[in-house]
Amino acid sequence: MARLVKFLVRVRALAKRELISFFVSPLAYFIVGALTFVSFYFFLVYLEYFNLFLIQSRGSLMYGGDSGLSLNQLIEGYFRVHLLIFVFVLPILAMKLFAEERRAGVFEFLLTSPINSEALVLGKFLGFGVFLTALVLWVSILPVSLVLYGDYEIPVLLSNMLGFWFFTISLGSIAMLISCLVESVIVGGIVSMVVLLLLYVLNFVVGAVEEAKMPILVKIIQYISPVEQVDGFMKGVVGLESIIYFFSVIFLSFVFTVRAVDTKRLTRF
């Protein structure tokens, strides 16, 4: 019991340290500012298109018809474009976890400390995860504000937010693993962007594979594609299979990161 308490205390201290480091980092503030600007821009673009389509379908509305549009589509489009945006944002933030600390010499101190690898990785991941959760909530403010001016299904909004959160945390864990494996911040950032971008475009390969009549390969690609897994969330459907997928990615990334830290400790001596 005492060992568990000591473990949790160390994890809490590391998570707090990691979280505070994000809020005092000029780079993090720059990313938040840029993300705010980009989010506001795309929100206005989708809102403008939505209003334009409503105007074009006003004839159908005058005679009691249905325009076929809803604010749910606006919300879905808004979060979908953020999936791609975060593919480029996450590697920049994740490089701070290990690669940048290695450059500053802090990582060497952590390797020689009595903190075990599990506590070290878990603490960093929790601090990183809390910061990413705050980012997800921040970019969700604009679609949430629609409740004051429009009528949409709140469960669909919550489903989009949950799917976006799972997507962000799972890809963030992959970027964290790459940050631990590489020595250079720049190389790590580039490698992370390439890996996450490849995962993002996997769903575009499905069409070509379907034409080649390889159904088994299609199912494999659809399952390992995070965009395919988050698709149900974007449509308001929370699937157990997708939740298991995202938790599996997070767990495996955590395990491999722990093993990478153990390896660096062994090779250091």
Protein backbone atom coordinates (compact mmCIF):
# COMPACT_ATOMS: atom_id res chain seq x y z
CA MET A 1 0.00 0.00 0.00
CA ALA A 2 2.84 2.35 0.91
CA ARG A 3 4.52 1.66 -2.45
CA LEU A 4 1.29 2.46 -4.29
CA VAL A 5 0.89 5.73 -2.40
CA LYS A 6 4.50 6.67 -3.16
CA PHE A 7 3.94 5.78 -6.82
CA LEU A 8 0.80 7.94 -7.04
CA VAL A 9 2.54 10.86 -5.29
CA ARG A 10 5.38 10.74 -7.82
CA VAL A 11 2.96 10.50 -10.74
CA ARG A 12 0.98 13.46 -9.41
CA ALA A 13 4.14 15.54 -8.97
CA LEU A 14 5.37 14.73 -12.48
CA ALA A 15 1.95 15.41 -14.02
CA LYS A 16 1.73 18.75 -12.22
CA ARG A 17 5.25 19.68 -13.32
CA GLU A 18 4.49 18.75 -16.93
CA LEU A 19 1.20 20.63 -16.98
CA ILE A 20 2.75 23.78 -15.50
CA SER A 21 5.57 23.61 -18.04
CA PHE A 22 3.00 23.88 -20.84
CA PHE A 23 1.36 26.95 -19.32
CA VAL A 24 4.70 28.75 -18.94
CA SER A 25 5.95 27.84 -22.40
CA PRO A 26 5.86 30.64 -25.03
CA LEU A 27 5.50 27.99 -27.75
CA ALA A 28 2.36 26.60 -26.14
CA TYR A 29 0.81 30.07 -25.97
CA PHE A 30 1.72 30.68 -29.60
CA ILE A 31 0.05 27.41 -30.62
CA VAL A 32 -3.06 28.19 -28.58
CA GLY A 33 -3.26 31.65 -30.15
CA ALA A 34 -2.79 30.32 -33.68
CA LEU A 35 -5.28 27.53 -33.02
CA THR A 36 -7.82 30.06 -31.76
CA PHE A 37 -7.47 32.13 -34.91
CA VAL A 38 -7.72 29.11 -37.23
CA SER A 39 -10.70 27.67 -35.32
CA PHE A 40 -12.56 30.97 -35.47
CA TYR A 41 -11.84 31.26 -39.20
CA PHE A 42 -13.15 27.79 -40.06
CA PHE A 43 -16.16 28.25 -37.80
CA LEU A 44 -17.12 31.42 -39.69
CA VAL A 45 -16.51 29.69 -43.03
CA TYR A 46 -18.78 26.76 -42.15
CA LEU A 47 -21.37 29.12 -40.72
CA GLU A 48 -21.30 31.21 -43.92
CA TYR A 49 -21.74 28.13 -46.09
CA PHE A 50 -24.58 26.95 -43.88
CA ASN A 51 -26.37 30.29 -44.21
CA LEU A 52 -25.76 30.31 -47.97
CA PHE A 53 -27.33 26.87 -48.39
CA LEU A 54 -30.31 27.95 -46.32
CA ILE A 55 -30.82 31.00 -48.55
CA GLN A 56 -30.58 28.84 -51.67
CA SER A 57 -33.19 26.46 -50.32
CA ARG A 58 -35.58 29.19 -49.13
CA GLY A 59 -38.05 28.21 -51.87
CA SER A 60 -38.46 24.77 -50.40
CA LEU A 61 -38.80 26.25 -46.92
CA MET A 62 -41.53 28.69 -48.03
CA TYR A 63 -43.72 25.80 -49.14
CA GLY A 64 -43.19 23.81 -45.99
CA GLY A 65 -40.39 21.68 -47.37
CA ASP A 66 -37.16 20.58 -45.72
CA SER A 67 -33.83 22.07 -46.69
CA GLY A 68 -32.05 18.87 -45.66
CA LEU A 69 -29.63 20.92 -43.57
CA SER A 70 -29.06 20.96 -39.84
CA LEU A 71 -26.58 22.49 -37.45
CA ASN A 72 -25.35 18.95 -36.79
CA GLN A 73 -23.67 19.04 -40.20
CA LEU A 74 -21.96 22.33 -39.36
CA ILE A 75 -20.67 20.89 -36.09
CA GLU A 76 -19.45 17.72 -37.82
CA GLY A 77 -17.59 19.72 -40.48
CA TYR A 78 -16.02 21.96 -37.85
CA PHE A 79 -14.62 19.05 -35.85
CA ARG A 80 -13.52 17.13 -38.95
CA VAL A 81 -11.29 19.95 -40.12
CA HIS A 82 -9.76 20.05 -36.63
CA LEU A 83 -8.74 16.40 -36.96
CA LEU A 84 -6.28 17.45 -39.67
CA ILE A 85 -5.21 20.58 -37.80
CA PHE A 86 -4.28 18.56 -34.72
CA VAL A 87 -2.22 16.14 -36.84
CA PHE A 88 0.25 19.05 -37.15
CA VAL A 89 -0.27 20.55 -33.68
CA LEU A 90 0.26 17.38 -31.63
CA PRO A 91 3.84 16.63 -32.78
CA ILE A 92 4.96 20.15 -31.89
CA LEU A 93 3.53 19.86 -28.39
CA ALA A 94 4.67 16.27 -27.84
CA MET A 95 8.31 17.01 -28.63
CA LYS A 96 8.44 18.94 -25.39
CA LEU A 97 7.85 15.76 -23.37
CA PHE A 98 11.15 13.97 -23.99
CA ALA A 99 13.09 15.32 -26.98
CA GLU A 100 13.31 18.90 -25.75
CA GLU A 101 14.12 17.80 -22.18
CA ARG A 102 16.91 15.61 -23.56
CA ARG A 103 18.35 18.64 -25.34
CA ALA A 104 18.15 20.68 -22.13
CA GLY A 105 19.75 17.90 -20.08
CA VAL A 106 16.72 17.42 -17.84
CA PHE A 107 15.95 13.97 -19.17
CA GLU A 108 19.34 12.67 -18.01
CA PHE A 109 18.49 13.82 -14.50
CA LEU A 110 15.14 12.00 -14.63
CA LEU A 111 16.83 8.79 -15.81
CA THR A 112 19.17 8.81 -12.82
CA SER A 113 16.40 9.65 -10.33
CA PRO A 114 14.71 6.95 -8.18
CA ILE A 115 11.48 7.43 -10.14
CA ASN A 116 10.60 4.23 -12.03
CA SER A 117 9.84 4.34 -15.74
CA GLU A 118 6.11 3.67 -15.33
CA ALA A 119 5.66 6.63 -12.99
CA LEU A 120 7.80 8.86 -15.21
CA VAL A 121 5.85 8.09 -18.40
CA LEU A 122 2.45 8.08 -16.70
CA GLY A 123 3.11 11.44 -15.03
CA LYS A 124 4.20 13.04 -18.28
CA PHE A 125 1.28 11.51 -20.18
CA LEU A 126 -1.28 12.70 -17.62
CA GLY A 127 0.08 16.25 -17.68
CA PHE A 128 0.10 16.18 -21.48
CA GLY A 129 -3.40 14.67 -21.53
CA VAL A 130 -4.84 17.35 -19.26
CA PHE A 131 -3.37 20.07 -21.47
CA LEU A 132 -4.78 18.40 -24.60
CA THR A 133 -8.17 18.08 -22.90
CA ALA A 134 -8.09 21.80 -22.20
CA LEU A 135 -7.32 22.41 -25.90
CA VAL A 136 -10.24 20.22 -26.96
CA LEU A 137 -12.59 22.13 -24.66
CA TRP A 138 -11.18 25.44 -25.91
CA VAL A 139 -11.85 24.72 -29.59
CA SER A 140 -15.29 23.34 -28.65
CA ILE A 141 -16.46 26.69 -27.28
CA LEU A 142 -17.54 27.97 -30.71
CA PRO A 143 -19.86 25.06 -31.61
CA VAL A 144 -21.19 25.02 -28.04
CA SER A 145 -22.09 28.71 -28.44
CA LEU A 146 -24.57 27.72 -31.14
CA VAL A 147 -26.96 26.60 -28.42
CA LEU A 148 -27.71 30.30 -27.86
CA TYR A 149 -28.69 30.93 -31.48
CA GLY A 150 -29.74 27.65 -33.05
CA ASP A 151 -31.44 24.35 -32.51
CA TYR A 152 -29.28 21.26 -32.71
CA GLU A 153 -28.98 17.91 -30.98
CA ILE A 154 -26.81 18.26 -27.89
CA PRO A 155 -25.99 14.50 -27.82
CA VAL A 156 -24.51 14.86 -31.32
CA LEU A 157 -22.33 17.75 -30.13
CA LEU A 158 -21.16 15.77 -27.11
CA SER A 159 -20.45 12.76 -29.32
CA ASN A 160 -18.33 14.93 -31.65
CA MET A 161 -16.42 16.34 -28.68
CA LEU A 162 -15.83 12.86 -27.24
CA GLY A 163 -14.63 11.49 -30.57
CA PHE A 164 -12.35 14.49 -31.07
CA TRP A 165 -10.95 13.98 -27.56
CA PHE A 166 -10.25 10.28 -28.17
CA PHE A 167 -8.58 11.13 -31.49
CA THR A 168 -6.42 13.82 -29.87
CA ILE A 169 -5.33 11.76 -26.86
CA SER A 170 -4.56 8.61 -28.88
CA LEU A 171 -2.51 10.41 -31.54
CA GLY A 172 -0.88 12.45 -28.79
CA SER A 173 0.27 9.23 -27.14
CA ILE A 174 1.84 8.10 -30.42
CA ALA A 175 3.63 11.45 -30.73
CA MET A 176 4.84 11.03 -27.13
CA LEU A 177 6.34 7.64 -28.01
CA ILE A 178 8.19 9.12 -30.99
CA SER A 179 9.45 11.97 -28.80
CA CYS A 180 10.99 9.39 -26.48
CA LEU A 181 12.62 7.44 -29.31
CA VAL A 182 14.34 10.28 -31.17
CA GLU A 183 17.27 12.41 -30.09
CA SER A 184 16.52 15.61 -32.01
CA VAL A 185 13.50 17.87 -31.46
CA ILE A 186 13.28 18.82 -35.14
CA VAL A 187 13.68 15.25 -36.39
CA GLY A 188 11.15 14.04 -33.85
CA GLY A 189 8.62 16.67 -34.89
CA ILE A 190 9.00 15.80 -38.57
CA VAL A 191 8.79 12.05 -37.95
CA SER A 192 5.70 12.52 -35.76
CA MET A 193 3.97 14.64 -38.40
CA VAL A 194 4.72 12.06 -41.09
CA VAL A 195 3.47 9.16 -38.96
CA LEU A 196 0.29 10.94 -37.86
CA LEU A 197 -0.38 12.17 -41.39
CA LEU A 198 -0.03 8.63 -42.73
CA LEU A 199 -2.54 7.42 -40.14
CA TYR A 200 -4.85 10.27 -41.11
CA VAL A 201 -4.82 9.45 -44.85
CA LEU A 202 -5.35 5.71 -44.34
CA ASN A 203 -9.09 6.11 -44.88
CA PHE A 204 -8.41 7.54 -48.37
CA VAL A 205 -6.68 4.28 -49.29
CA VAL A 206 -9.84 2.28 -48.59
CA GLY A 207 -11.43 3.22 -51.94
CA ALA A 208 -8.43 2.02 -53.94
CA VAL A 209 -8.26 -1.23 -51.97
CA GLU A 210 -11.97 -1.84 -52.46
CA GLU A 211 -11.51 -1.54 -56.23
CA ALA A 212 -8.77 -4.15 -56.00
CA LYS A 213 -11.33 -6.47 -54.36
CA MET A 214 -9.41 -7.16 -51.16
CA PRO A 215 -12.12 -7.10 -48.47
CA ILE A 216 -9.89 -8.40 -45.68
CA LEU A 217 -7.32 -5.66 -46.27
CA VAL A 218 -10.14 -3.11 -46.39
CA LYS A 219 -11.34 -4.16 -42.94
CA ILE A 220 -7.80 -4.02 -41.53
CA ILE A 221 -7.20 -0.51 -42.91
CA GLN A 222 -10.59 0.70 -41.69
CA TYR A 223 -9.88 -0.61 -38.21
CA ILE A 224 -6.39 0.89 -37.83
CA SER A 225 -7.44 4.23 -39.33
CA PRO A 226 -8.22 6.72 -36.53
CA VAL A 227 -10.33 8.80 -38.91
CA GLU A 228 -12.52 5.78 -39.71
CA GLN A 229 -12.87 5.02 -36.01
CA VAL A 230 -13.88 8.58 -35.16
CA ASP A 231 -16.39 8.70 -38.02
CA GLY A 232 -19.18 7.21 -35.90
CA PHE A 233 -18.65 9.79 -33.17
CA MET A 234 -18.94 12.58 -35.73
CA LYS A 235 -22.33 11.22 -36.78
CA GLY A 236 -23.56 10.96 -33.20
CA VAL A 237 -22.94 7.23 -32.75
CA VAL A 238 -20.65 6.13 -29.90
CA GLY A 239 -19.40 2.63 -30.74
CA LEU A 240 -17.77 0.26 -28.26
CA GLU A 241 -15.39 -1.02 -30.96
CA SER A 242 -14.05 2.49 -31.55
CA ILE A 243 -13.60 3.13 -27.82
CA ILE A 244 -11.64 -0.13 -27.50
CA TYR A 245 -9.50 0.91 -30.47
CA PHE A 246 -8.57 4.28 -28.99
CA PHE A 247 -7.84 2.83 -25.54
CA SER A 248 -5.68 0.14 -27.20
CA VAL A 249 -3.64 2.78 -29.05
CA ILE A 250 -3.15 4.75 -25.82
CA PHE A 251 -2.20 1.65 -23.82
CA LEU A 252 0.23 0.29 -26.41
CA SER A 253 1.88 3.70 -26.84
CA PHE A 254 2.27 3.93 -23.06
CA VAL A 255 3.80 0.43 -22.82
CA PHE A 256 6.25 1.04 -25.67
CA THR A 257 7.24 4.41 -24.20
CA VAL A 258 7.96 2.76 -20.85
CA ARG A 259 10.09 0.14 -22.61
CA ALA A 260 11.94 2.87 -24.50
CA VAL A 261 12.73 4.68 -21.23
CA ASP A 262 13.91 1.39 -19.67
CA THR A 263 16.19 0.79 -22.65
CA LYS A 264 17.70 4.26 -22.38
CA ARG A 265 18.35 3.66 -18.68
CA LEU A 266 20.11 0.37 -19.39
CA THR A 267 22.21 1.69 -22.27
CA ARG A 268 23.25 4.69 -20.23
CA PHE A 269 25.36 2.61 -17.87
